[in-house]
Amino acid sequence: MIKARFTSVNGHYVSFSFEGHSEFDAKGRDIVCAAVSALAQHTARMLAERCGAIVEKGPARLKVELAQPSEMSDLLIEELYRSVDNIRSQYPQNLSVEVKIDENRHTVVRS
């Protein structure tokens, strides 16, 4: 299962990460993995180029962090969240999506 995690602090997305494999199908034929990977990597590249995000990549892993979130970064990450959550609704056995909201040291997690 791919695990997508988004973190929001004081109303702004500050990071997101993706880990794991969807295991929907064999490598090269896995439509869930292909869709999630394309969306996540596209958003990571845009955030790095336009918002100064720090991107870390590894095998079956992508992590993006923003030191200074902006209106543009919030828009890009919200659209990524909505897109992967839509995929999750179609393939709940292959993808989980979690949003950690940390407002004034009170943490709320929505999945």
PDB file of N, CA and C in Angstrom:
ATOM      1  N   MET A   1       0.840  -1.186   0.000  1.00  0.00           N
ATOM      2  CA  MET A   1       0.000   0.000   0.000  1.00  0.00           C
ATOM      3  C   MET A   1       0.882   1.246   0.000  1.00  0.00           C
ATOM      4  N   ILE A   2       0.490   2.222  -0.816  1.00  0.00           N
ATOM      5  CA  ILE A   2       1.143   3.530  -0.791  1.00  0.00           C
ATOM      6  C   ILE A   2       0.509   4.323   0.346  1.00  0.00           C
ATOM      7  N   LYS A   3       1.361   4.941   1.167  1.00  0.00           N
ATOM      8  CA  LYS A   3       0.869   5.789   2.253  1.00  0.00           C
ATOM      9  C   LYS A   3       1.242   7.234   1.942  1.00  0.00           C
ATOM     10  N   ALA A   4       0.214   8.061   1.751  1.00  0.00           N
ATOM     11  CA  ALA A   4       0.409   9.491   1.496  1.00  0.00           C
ATOM     12  C   ALA A   4       0.099  10.247   2.777  1.00  0.00           C
ATOM     13  N   ARG A   5       1.018  11.120   3.164  1.00  0.00           N
ATOM     14  CA  ARG A   5       0.821  11.909   4.386  1.00  0.00           C
ATOM     15  C   ARG A   5       1.054  13.386   4.069  1.00  0.00           C
ATOM     16  N   PHE A   6       0.101  14.198   4.491  1.00  0.00           N
ATOM     17  CA  PHE A   6       0.181  15.649   4.321  1.00  0.00           C
ATOM     18  C   PHE A   6       0.168  16.279   5.712  1.00  0.00           C
ATOM     19  N   THR A   7       0.957  17.343   5.885  1.00  0.00           N
ATOM     20  CA  THR A   7       0.977  18.047   7.170  1.00  0.00           C
ATOM     21  C   THR A   7       0.650  19.512   6.940  1.00  0.00           C
ATOM     22  N   SER A   8      -0.287  20.007   7.745  1.00  0.00           N
ATOM     23  CA  SER A   8      -0.702  21.402   7.681  1.00  0.00           C
ATOM     24  C   SER A   8      -0.479  22.046   9.053  1.00  0.00           C
ATOM     25  N   VAL A   9       0.141  23.228   9.060  1.00  0.00           N
ATOM     26  CA  VAL A   9       0.358  23.969  10.302  1.00  0.00           C
ATOM     27  C   VAL A   9      -0.166  25.385  10.103  1.00  0.00           C
ATOM     28  N   ASN A  10      -0.996  25.815  11.018  1.00  0.00           N
ATOM     29  CA  ASN A  10      -1.582  27.170  10.963  1.00  0.00           C
ATOM     30  C   ASN A  10      -2.212  27.483   9.607  1.00  0.00           C
ATOM     31  N   GLY A  11      -2.905  26.515   9.055  1.00  0.00           N
ATOM     32  CA  GLY A  11      -3.627  26.724   7.803  1.00  0.00           C
ATOM     33  C   GLY A  11      -2.822  26.608   6.534  1.00  0.00           C
ATOM     34  N   HIS A  12      -1.548  26.211   6.648  1.00  0.00           N
ATOM     35  CA  HIS A  12      -0.698  26.070   5.456  1.00  0.00           C
ATOM     36  C   HIS A  12      -0.087  24.665   5.416  1.00  0.00           C
ATOM     37  N   TYR A  13      -0.085  24.086   4.235  1.00  0.00           N
ATOM     38  CA  TYR A  13       0.617  22.816   4.069  1.00  0.00           C
ATOM     39  C   TYR A  13       2.118  23.085   4.183  1.00  0.00           C
ATOM     40  N   VAL A  14       2.801  22.284   4.988  1.00  0.00           N
ATOM     41  CA  VAL A  14       4.243  22.454   5.165  1.00  0.00           C
ATOM     42  C   VAL A  14       5.043  21.249   4.661  1.00  0.00           C
ATOM     43  N   SER A  15       4.369  20.127   4.447  1.00  0.00           N
ATOM     44  CA  SER A  15       5.090  18.962   3.929  1.00  0.00           C
ATOM     45  C   SER A  15       4.100  17.914   3.423  1.00  0.00           C
ATOM     46  N   PHE A  16       4.639  17.001   2.617  1.00  0.00           N
ATOM     47  CA  PHE A  16       3.907  15.781   2.257  1.00  0.00           C
ATOM     48  C   PHE A  16       4.919  14.704   1.939  1.00  0.00           C
ATOM     49  N   SER A  17       4.474  13.473   2.062  1.00  0.00           N
ATOM     50  CA  SER A  17       5.356  12.347   1.744  1.00  0.00           C
ATOM     51  C   SER A  17       4.534  11.193   1.188  1.00  0.00           C
ATOM     52  N   PHE A  18       5.200  10.375   0.398  1.00  0.00           N
ATOM     53  CA  PHE A  18       4.610   9.157  -0.153  1.00  0.00           C
ATOM     54  C   PHE A  18       5.600   8.033   0.101  1.00  0.00           C
ATOM     55  N   GLU A  19       5.098   6.895   0.568  1.00  0.00           N
ATOM     56  CA  GLU A  19       5.958   5.743   0.826  1.00  0.00           C
ATOM     57  C   GLU A  19       5.231   4.470   0.437  1.00  0.00           C
ATOM     58  N   GLY A  20       5.985   3.511  -0.056  1.00  0.00           N
ATOM     59  CA  GLY A  20       5.448   2.181  -0.312  1.00  0.00           C
ATOM     60  C   GLY A  20       5.076   1.921  -1.754  1.00  0.00           C
ATOM     61  N   HIS A  21       4.518   0.734  -1.961  1.00  0.00           N
ATOM     62  CA  HIS A  21       4.085   0.281  -3.278  1.00  0.00           C
ATOM     63  C   HIS A  21       2.578   0.002  -3.232  1.00  0.00           C
ATOM     64  N   SER A  22       1.892   0.280  -4.304  1.00  0.00           N
ATOM     65  CA  SER A  22       0.438   0.051  -4.311  1.00  0.00           C
ATOM     66  C   SER A  22       0.088  -1.426  -4.403  1.00  0.00           C
ATOM     67  N   GLU A  23       0.940  -2.200  -5.063  1.00  0.00           N
ATOM     68  CA  GLU A  23       0.720  -3.646  -5.249  1.00  0.00           C
ATOM     69  C   GLU A  23      -0.591  -3.931  -5.976  1.00  0.00           C
ATOM     70  N   PHE A  24      -0.999  -3.019  -6.842  1.00  0.00           N
ATOM     71  CA  PHE A  24      -2.194  -3.221  -7.651  1.00  0.00           C
ATOM     72  C   PHE A  24      -1.922  -4.213  -8.767  1.00  0.00           C
ATOM     73  N   ASP A  25      -0.702  -4.125  -9.361  1.00  0.00           N
ATOM     74  CA  ASP A  25      -0.328  -5.007 -10.467  1.00  0.00           C
ATOM     75  C   ASP A  25       1.200  -5.074 -10.531  1.00  0.00           C
ATOM     76  N   ALA A  26       1.702  -5.799 -11.487  1.00  0.00           N
ATOM     77  CA  ALA A  26       3.149  -5.941 -11.650  1.00  0.00           C
ATOM     78  C   ALA A  26       3.772  -4.613 -12.052  1.00  0.00           C
ATOM     79  N   LYS A  27       5.058  -4.464 -11.735  1.00  0.00           N
ATOM     80  CA  LYS A  27       5.796  -3.261 -12.106  1.00  0.00           C
ATOM     81  C   LYS A  27       5.671  -3.042 -13.615  1.00  0.00           C
ATOM     82  N   GLY A  28       5.384  -1.807 -13.993  1.00  0.00           N
ATOM     83  CA  GLY A  28       5.201  -1.481 -15.401  1.00  0.00           C
ATOM     84  C   GLY A  28       3.748  -1.543 -15.853  1.00  0.00           C
ATOM     85  N   ARG A  29       2.892  -2.184 -15.063  1.00  0.00           N
ATOM     86  CA  ARG A  29       1.457  -2.273 -15.394  1.00  0.00           C
ATOM     87  C   ARG A  29       0.577  -1.758 -14.267  1.00  0.00           C
ATOM     88  N   ASP A  30       1.201  -1.198 -13.254  1.00  0.00           N
ATOM     89  CA  ASP A  30       0.475  -0.766 -12.053  1.00  0.00           C
ATOM     90  C   ASP A  30      -0.061   0.661 -12.265  1.00  0.00           C
ATOM     91  N   ILE A  31      -1.345   0.775 -12.599  1.00  0.00           N
ATOM     92  CA  ILE A  31      -1.930   2.083 -12.901  1.00  0.00           C
ATOM     93  C   ILE A  31      -2.051   2.967 -11.659  1.00  0.00           C
ATOM     94  N   VAL A  32      -2.235   2.375 -10.500  1.00  0.00           N
ATOM     95  CA  VAL A  32      -2.334   3.173  -9.267  1.00  0.00           C
ATOM     96  C   VAL A  32      -0.983   3.814  -8.973  1.00  0.00           C
ATOM     97  N   CYS A  33       0.076   3.017  -9.039  1.00  0.00           N
ATOM     98  CA  CYS A  33       1.423   3.529  -8.795  1.00  0.00           C
ATOM     99  C   CYS A  33       1.783   4.602  -9.822  1.00  0.00           C
ATOM    100  N   ALA A  34       1.472   4.361 -11.074  1.00  0.00           N
ATOM    101  CA  ALA A  34       1.807   5.319 -12.125  1.00  0.00           C
ATOM    102  C   ALA A  34       1.090   6.649 -11.915  1.00  0.00           C
ATOM    103  N   ALA A  35      -0.176   6.592 -11.583  1.00  0.00           N
ATOM    104  CA  ALA A  35      -0.944   7.824 -11.384  1.00  0.00           C
ATOM    105  C   ALA A  35      -0.434   8.608 -10.178  1.00  0.00           C
ATOM    106  N   VAL A  36      -0.244   7.921  -9.061  1.00  0.00           N
ATOM    107  CA  VAL A  36       0.208   8.598  -7.839  1.00  0.00           C
ATOM    108  C   VAL A  36       1.616   9.148  -8.032  1.00  0.00           C
ATOM    109  N   SER A  37       2.499   8.364  -8.639  1.00  0.00           N
ATOM    110  CA  SER A  37       3.879   8.811  -8.864  1.00  0.00           C
ATOM    111  C   SER A  37       3.932  10.048  -9.747  1.00  0.00           C
ATOM    112  N   ALA A  38       3.164  10.044 -10.829  1.00  0.00           N
ATOM    113  CA  ALA A  38       3.169  11.194 -11.740  1.00  0.00           C
ATOM    114  C   ALA A  38       2.686  12.453 -11.028  1.00  0.00           C
ATOM    115  N   LEU A  39       1.604  12.344 -10.290  1.00  0.00           N
ATOM    116  CA  LEU A  39       1.077  13.510  -9.572  1.00  0.00           C
ATOM    117  C   LEU A  39       2.066  14.018  -8.521  1.00  0.00           C
ATOM    118  N   ALA A  40       2.604  13.105  -7.728  1.00  0.00           N
ATOM    119  CA  ALA A  40       3.505  13.501  -6.634  1.00  0.00           C
ATOM    120  C   ALA A  40       4.799  14.105  -7.174  1.00  0.00           C
ATOM    121  N   GLN A  41       5.387  13.477  -8.185  1.00  0.00           N
ATOM    122  CA  GLN A  41       6.645  13.986  -8.719  1.00  0.00           C
ATOM    123  C   GLN A  41       6.455  15.316  -9.439  1.00  0.00           C
ATOM    124  N   HIS A  42       5.351  15.466 -10.144  1.00  0.00           N
ATOM    125  CA  HIS A  42       5.061  16.735 -10.811  1.00  0.00           C
ATOM    126  C   HIS A  42       4.932  17.859  -9.776  1.00  0.00           C
ATOM    127  N   THR A  43       4.170  17.611  -8.723  1.00  0.00           N
ATOM    128  CA  THR A  43       3.979  18.630  -7.687  1.00  0.00           C
ATOM    129  C   THR A  43       5.293  18.929  -6.975  1.00  0.00           C
ATOM    130  N   ALA A  44       6.079  17.913  -6.687  1.00  0.00           N
ATOM    131  CA  ALA A  44       7.374  18.112  -6.020  1.00  0.00           C
ATOM    132  C   ALA A  44       8.287  18.982  -6.875  1.00  0.00           C
ATOM    133  N   ARG A  45       8.331  18.713  -8.172  1.00  0.00           N
ATOM    134  CA  ARG A  45       9.177  19.509  -9.070  1.00  0.00           C
ATOM    135  C   ARG A  45       8.722  20.964  -9.106  1.00  0.00           C
ATOM    136  N   MET A  46       7.416  21.181  -9.215  1.00  0.00           N
ATOM    137  CA  MET A  46       6.884  22.551  -9.225  1.00  0.00           C
ATOM    138  C   MET A  46       7.207  23.277  -7.921  1.00  0.00           C
ATOM    139  N   LEU A  47       7.043  22.604  -6.806  1.00  0.00           N
ATOM    140  CA  LEU A  47       7.315  23.235  -5.512  1.00  0.00           C
ATOM    141  C   LEU A  47       8.806  23.542  -5.344  1.00  0.00           C
ATOM    142  N   ALA A  48       9.666  22.661  -5.836  1.00  0.00           N
ATOM    143  CA  ALA A  48      11.112  22.908  -5.732  1.00  0.00           C
ATOM    144  C   ALA A  48      11.511  24.111  -6.590  1.00  0.00           C
ATOM    145  N   GLU A  49      10.987  24.166  -7.809  1.00  0.00           N
ATOM    146  CA  GLU A  49      11.360  25.231  -8.735  1.00  0.00           C
ATOM    147  C   GLU A  49      10.760  26.587  -8.384  1.00  0.00           C
ATOM    148  N   ARG A  50       9.530  26.583  -7.908  1.00  0.00           N
ATOM    149  CA  ARG A  50       8.818  27.856  -7.711  1.00  0.00           C
ATOM    150  C   ARG A  50       8.677  28.302  -6.264  1.00  0.00           C
ATOM    151  N   CYS A  51       8.853  27.363  -5.328  1.00  0.00           N
ATOM    152  CA  CYS A  51       8.609  27.713  -3.924  1.00  0.00           C
ATOM    153  C   CYS A  51       9.781  27.356  -3.015  1.00  0.00           C
ATOM    154  N   GLY A  52      10.883  26.859  -3.578  1.00  0.00           N
ATOM    155  CA  GLY A  52      12.056  26.544  -2.768  1.00  0.00           C
ATOM    156  C   GLY A  52      11.906  25.339  -1.869  1.00  0.00           C
ATOM    157  N   ALA A  53      11.017  24.433  -2.222  1.00  0.00           N
ATOM    158  CA  ALA A  53      10.811  23.231  -1.397  1.00  0.00           C
ATOM    159  C   ALA A  53      12.033  22.328  -1.447  1.00  0.00           C
ATOM    160  N   ILE A  54      12.243  21.616  -0.365  1.00  0.00           N
ATOM    161  CA  ILE A  54      13.303  20.615  -0.290  1.00  0.00           C
ATOM    162  C   ILE A  54      12.676  19.268  -0.601  1.00  0.00           C
ATOM    163  N   VAL A  55      13.230  18.581  -1.609  1.00  0.00           N
ATOM    164  CA  VAL A  55      12.684  17.307  -2.068  1.00  0.00           C
ATOM    165  C   VAL A  55      13.702  16.202  -1.808  1.00  0.00           C
ATOM    166  N   GLU A  56      13.248  15.137  -1.157  1.00  0.00           N
ATOM    167  CA  GLU A  56      14.078  13.957  -0.925  1.00  0.00           C
ATOM    168  C   GLU A  56      13.410  12.776  -1.616  1.00  0.00           C
ATOM    169  N   LYS A  57      14.211  12.054  -2.422  1.00  0.00           N
ATOM    170  CA  LYS A  57      13.693  10.886  -3.127  1.00  0.00           C
ATOM    171  C   LYS A  57      14.491   9.662  -2.726  1.00  0.00           C
ATOM    172  N   GLY A  58      13.823   8.529  -2.706  1.00  0.00           N
ATOM    173  CA  GLY A  58      14.468   7.251  -2.443  1.00  0.00           C
ATOM    174  C   GLY A  58      13.630   6.164  -3.056  1.00  0.00           C
ATOM    175  N   PRO A  59      14.063   4.925  -2.940  1.00  0.00           N
ATOM    176  CA  PRO A  59      13.257   3.833  -3.479  1.00  0.00           C
ATOM    177  C   PRO A  59      11.877   3.803  -2.817  1.00  0.00           C
ATOM    178  N   ALA A  60      10.829   3.927  -3.623  1.00  0.00           N
ATOM    179  CA  ALA A  60       9.440   3.913  -3.147  1.00  0.00           C
ATOM    180  C   ALA A  60       9.196   4.973  -2.072  1.00  0.00           C
ATOM    181  N   ARG A  61       9.849   6.119  -2.218  1.00  0.00           N
ATOM    182  CA  ARG A  61       9.726   7.150  -1.190  1.00  0.00           C
ATOM    183  C   ARG A  61       9.941   8.538  -1.799  1.00  0.00           C
ATOM    184  N   LEU A  62       9.101   9.496  -1.399  1.00  0.00           N
ATOM    185  CA  LEU A  62       9.244  10.896  -1.812  1.00  0.00           C
ATOM    186  C   LEU A  62       8.803  11.754  -0.639  1.00  0.00           C
ATOM    187  N   LYS A  63       9.638  12.722  -0.284  1.00  0.00           N
ATOM    188  CA  LYS A  63       9.288  13.620   0.814  1.00  0.00           C
ATOM    189  C   LYS A  63       9.566  15.054   0.378  1.00  0.00           C
ATOM    190  N   VAL A  64       8.611  15.952   0.646  1.00  0.00           N
ATOM    191  CA  VAL A  64       8.734  17.362   0.275  1.00  0.00           C
ATOM    192  C   VAL A  64       8.440  18.212   1.508  1.00  0.00           C
ATOM    193  N   GLU A  65       9.335  19.176   1.761  1.00  0.00           N
ATOM    194  CA  GLU A  65       9.145  20.070   2.898  1.00  0.00           C
ATOM    195  C   GLU A  65       9.294  21.515   2.443  1.00  0.00           C
ATOM    196  N   LEU A  66       8.478  22.382   3.023  1.00  0.00           N
ATOM    197  CA  LEU A  66       8.512  23.813   2.718  1.00  0.00           C
ATOM    198  C   LEU A  66       8.883  24.591   3.964  1.00  0.00           C
ATOM    199  N   ALA A  67       9.922  25.426   3.858  1.00  0.00           N
ATOM    200  CA  ALA A  67      10.292  26.276   4.987  1.00  0.00           C
ATOM    201  C   ALA A  67       9.327  27.443   5.105  1.00  0.00           C
ATOM    202  N   GLN A  68       8.903  27.949   3.928  1.00  0.00           N
ATOM    203  CA  GLN A  68       7.983  29.086   3.924  1.00  0.00           C
ATOM    204  C   GLN A  68       6.837  28.804   2.957  1.00  0.00           C
ATOM    205  N   PRO A  69       5.748  28.260   3.484  1.00  0.00           N
ATOM    206  CA  PRO A  69       4.602  28.002   2.604  1.00  0.00           C
ATOM    207  C   PRO A  69       4.028  29.315   2.060  1.00  0.00           C
ATOM    208  N   SER A  70       3.396  29.200   0.915  1.00  0.00           N
ATOM    209  CA  SER A  70       2.822  30.377   0.264  1.00  0.00           C
ATOM    210  C   SER A  70       1.454  30.020  -0.309  1.00  0.00           C
ATOM    211  N   GLU A  71       0.800  31.016  -0.889  1.00  0.00           N
ATOM    212  CA  GLU A  71      -0.492  30.759  -1.522  1.00  0.00           C
ATOM    213  C   GLU A  71      -0.323  29.750  -2.658  1.00  0.00           C
ATOM    214  N   MET A  72       0.770  29.894  -3.421  1.00  0.00           N
ATOM    215  CA  MET A  72       1.014  28.967  -4.527  1.00  0.00           C
ATOM    216  C   MET A  72       1.286  27.548  -4.018  1.00  0.00           C
ATOM    217  N   SER A  73       2.102  27.412  -2.983  1.00  0.00           N
ATOM    218  CA  SER A  73       2.397  26.065  -2.477  1.00  0.00           C
ATOM    219  C   SER A  73       1.144  25.427  -1.896  1.00  0.00           C
ATOM    220  N   ASP A  74       0.324  26.215  -1.201  1.00  0.00           N
ATOM    221  CA  ASP A  74      -0.931  25.673  -0.664  1.00  0.00           C
ATOM    222  C   ASP A  74      -1.842  25.189  -1.790  1.00  0.00           C
ATOM    223  N   LEU A  75      -1.919  25.968  -2.866  1.00  0.00           N
ATOM    224  CA  LEU A  75      -2.766  25.587  -3.998  1.00  0.00           C
ATOM    225  C   LEU A  75      -2.271  24.291  -4.639  1.00  0.00           C
ATOM    226  N   LEU A  76      -0.965  24.208  -4.880  1.00  0.00           N
ATOM    227  CA  LEU A  76      -0.407  23.002  -5.514  1.00  0.00           C
ATOM    228  C   LEU A  76      -0.601  21.765  -4.640  1.00  0.00           C
ATOM    229  N   ILE A  77      -0.356  21.905  -3.356  1.00  0.00           N
ATOM    230  CA  ILE A  77      -0.470  20.741  -2.465  1.00  0.00           C
ATOM    231  C   ILE A  77      -1.928  20.355  -2.249  1.00  0.00           C
ATOM    232  N   GLU A  78      -2.820  21.331  -2.155  1.00  0.00           N
ATOM    233  CA  GLU A  78      -4.247  21.006  -2.014  1.00  0.00           C
ATOM    234  C   GLU A  78      -4.741  20.233  -3.234  1.00  0.00           C
ATOM    235  N   GLU A  79      -4.311  20.650  -4.425  1.00  0.00           N
ATOM    236  CA  GLU A  79      -4.715  19.929  -5.630  1.00  0.00           C
ATOM    237  C   GLU A  79      -4.125  18.519  -5.647  1.00  0.00           C
ATOM    238  N   LEU A  80      -2.881  18.374  -5.194  1.00  0.00           N
ATOM    239  CA  LEU A  80      -2.294  17.030  -5.084  1.00  0.00           C
ATOM    240  C   LEU A  80      -3.107  16.185  -4.112  1.00  0.00           C
ATOM    241  N   TYR A  81      -3.425  16.753  -2.953  1.00  0.00           N
ATOM    242  CA  TYR A  81      -4.225  16.023  -1.959  1.00  0.00           C
ATOM    243  C   TYR A  81      -5.565  15.577  -2.568  1.00  0.00           C
ATOM    244  N   ARG A  82      -6.266  16.487  -3.212  1.00  0.00           N
ATOM    245  CA  ARG A  82      -7.579  16.141  -3.786  1.00  0.00           C
ATOM    246  C   ARG A  82      -7.447  15.040  -4.845  1.00  0.00           C
ATOM    247  N   SER A  83      -6.402  15.123  -5.650  1.00  0.00           N
ATOM    248  CA  SER A  83      -6.223  14.129  -6.714  1.00  0.00           C
ATOM    249  C   SER A  83      -5.919  12.747  -6.145  1.00  0.00           C
ATOM    250  N   VAL A  84      -5.000  12.673  -5.192  1.00  0.00           N
ATOM    251  CA  VAL A  84      -4.662  11.354  -4.645  1.00  0.00           C
ATOM    252  C   VAL A  84      -5.795  10.823  -3.767  1.00  0.00           C
ATOM    253  N   ASP A  85      -6.540  11.715  -3.116  1.00  0.00           N
ATOM    254  CA  ASP A  85      -7.678  11.240  -2.326  1.00  0.00           C
ATOM    255  C   ASP A  85      -8.770  10.688  -3.239  1.00  0.00           C
ATOM    256  N   ASN A  86      -8.907  11.254  -4.425  1.00  0.00           N
ATOM    257  CA  ASN A  86      -9.843  10.717  -5.410  1.00  0.00           C
ATOM    258  C   ASN A  86      -9.408   9.315  -5.851  1.00  0.00           C
ATOM    259  N   ILE A  87      -8.111   9.151  -6.072  1.00  0.00           N
ATOM    260  CA  ILE A  87      -7.594   7.819  -6.430  1.00  0.00           C
ATOM    261  C   ILE A  87      -7.818   6.850  -5.272  1.00  0.00           C
ATOM    262  N   ARG A  88      -7.576   7.322  -4.042  1.00  0.00           N
ATOM    263  CA  ARG A  88      -7.795   6.475  -2.860  1.00  0.00           C
ATOM    264  C   ARG A  88      -9.237   5.982  -2.790  1.00  0.00           C
ATOM    265  N   SER A  89     -10.192   6.843  -3.129  1.00  0.00           N
ATOM    266  CA  SER A  89     -11.597   6.428  -3.058  1.00  0.00           C
ATOM    267  C   SER A  89     -11.902   5.304  -4.047  1.00  0.00           C
ATOM    268  N   GLN A  90     -11.124   5.228  -5.139  1.00  0.00           N
ATOM    269  CA  GLN A  90     -11.327   4.172  -6.128  1.00  0.00           C
ATOM    270  C   GLN A  90     -10.509   2.922  -5.818  1.00  0.00           C
ATOM    271  N   TYR A  91      -9.380   3.094  -5.115  1.00  0.00           N
ATOM    272  CA  TYR A  91      -8.477   1.981  -4.823  1.00  0.00           C
ATOM    273  C   TYR A  91      -8.076   2.003  -3.342  1.00  0.00           C
ATOM    274  N   PRO A  92      -9.047   1.835  -2.435  1.00  0.00           N
ATOM    275  CA  PRO A  92      -8.733   1.961  -0.998  1.00  0.00           C
ATOM    276  C   PRO A  92      -7.813   0.851  -0.468  1.00  0.00           C
ATOM    277  N   GLN A  93      -7.702  -0.243  -1.196  1.00  0.00           N
ATOM    278  CA  GLN A  93      -6.806  -1.314  -0.763  1.00  0.00           C
ATOM    279  C   GLN A  93      -5.355  -1.034  -1.145  1.00  0.00           C
ATOM    280  N   ASN A  94      -5.147  -0.035  -2.005  1.00  0.00           N
ATOM    281  CA  ASN A  94      -3.807   0.209  -2.543  1.00  0.00           C
ATOM    282  C   ASN A  94      -3.199   1.542  -2.130  1.00  0.00           C
ATOM    283  N   LEU A  95      -4.007   2.426  -1.557  1.00  0.00           N
ATOM    284  CA  LEU A  95      -3.536   3.781  -1.241  1.00  0.00           C
ATOM    285  C   LEU A  95      -4.261   4.305  -0.005  1.00  0.00           C
ATOM    286  N   SER A  96      -3.481   4.836   0.938  1.00  0.00           N
ATOM    287  CA  SER A  96      -4.088   5.529   2.079  1.00  0.00           C
ATOM    288  C   SER A  96      -3.619   6.975   2.057  1.00  0.00           C
ATOM    289  N   VAL A  97      -4.481   7.861   2.512  1.00  0.00           N
ATOM    290  CA  VAL A  97      -4.172   9.294   2.530  1.00  0.00           C
ATOM    291  C   VAL A  97      -4.499   9.827   3.916  1.00  0.00           C
ATOM    292  N   GLU A  98      -3.532  10.524   4.487  1.00  0.00           N
ATOM    293  CA  GLU A  98      -3.698  11.068   5.835  1.00  0.00           C
ATOM    294  C   GLU A  98      -3.277  12.529   5.828  1.00  0.00           C
ATOM    295  N   VAL A  99      -4.046  13.367   6.520  1.00  0.00           N
ATOM    296  CA  VAL A  99      -3.684  14.774   6.682  1.00  0.00           C
ATOM    297  C   VAL A  99      -3.535  15.039   8.171  1.00  0.00           C
ATOM    298  N   LYS A 100      -2.364  15.487   8.553  1.00  0.00           N
ATOM    299  CA  LYS A 100      -2.107  15.845   9.943  1.00  0.00           C
ATOM    300  C   LYS A 100      -2.214  17.360  10.050  1.00  0.00           C
ATOM    301  N   ILE A 101      -3.148  17.815  10.867  1.00  0.00           N
ATOM    302  CA  ILE A 101      -3.358  19.245  11.057  1.00  0.00           C
ATOM    303  C   ILE A 101      -2.888  19.597  12.458  1.00  0.00           C
ATOM    304  N   ASP A 102      -1.881  20.459  12.527  1.00  0.00           N
ATOM    305  CA  ASP A 102      -1.296  20.832  13.811  1.00  0.00           C
ATOM    306  C   ASP A 102      -1.531  22.322  14.037  1.00  0.00           C
ATOM    307  N   GLU A 103      -2.604  22.638  14.720  1.00  0.00           N
ATOM    308  CA  GLU A 103      -2.966  24.030  14.985  1.00  0.00           C
ATOM    309  C   GLU A 103      -2.748  24.307  16.464  1.00  0.00           C
ATOM    310  N   ASN A 104      -1.854  25.211  16.752  1.00  0.00           N
ATOM    311  CA  ASN A 104      -1.603  25.601  18.145  1.00  0.00           C
ATOM    312  C   ASN A 104      -1.348  24.398  19.043  1.00  0.00           C
ATOM    313  N   ARG A 105      -0.517  23.507  18.539  1.00  0.00           N
ATOM    314  CA  ARG A 105      -0.088  22.311  19.264  1.00  0.00           C
ATOM    315  C   ARG A 105      -1.195  21.288  19.486  1.00  0.00           C
ATOM    316  N   HIS A 106      -2.352  21.468  18.879  1.00  0.00           N
ATOM    317  CA  HIS A 106      -3.400  20.457  18.930  1.00  0.00           C
ATOM    318  C   HIS A 106      -3.354  19.739  17.583  1.00  0.00           C
ATOM    319  N   THR A 107      -3.181  18.454  17.612  1.00  0.00           N
ATOM    320  CA  THR A 107      -3.039  17.690  16.380  1.00  0.00           C
ATOM    321  C   THR A 107      -4.329  16.950  16.059  1.00  0.00           C
ATOM    322  N   VAL A 108      -4.780  17.112  14.828  1.00  0.00           N
ATOM    323  CA  VAL A 108      -5.955  16.408  14.328  1.00  0.00           C
ATOM    324  C   VAL A 108      -5.511  15.654  13.090  1.00  0.00           C
ATOM    325  N   VAL A 109      -5.876  14.403  12.988  1.00  0.00           N
ATOM    326  CA  VAL A 109      -5.534  13.612  11.816  1.00  0.00           C
ATOM    327  C   VAL A 109      -6.821  13.228  11.118  1.00  0.00           C
ATOM    328  N   ARG A 110      -6.927  13.549   9.842  1.00  0.00           N
ATOM    329  CA  ARG A 110      -8.067  13.094   9.039  1.00  0.00           C
ATOM    330  C   ARG A 110      -7.552  12.170   7.958  1.00  0.00           C
ATOM    331  N   SER A 111      -8.288  11.132   7.710  1.00  0.00           N
ATOM    332  CA  SER A 111      -7.876  10.150   6.696  1.00  0.00           C
ATOM    333  C   SER A 111      -8.922  10.057   5.627  1.00  0.00           C
TER     334      SER A 111
END
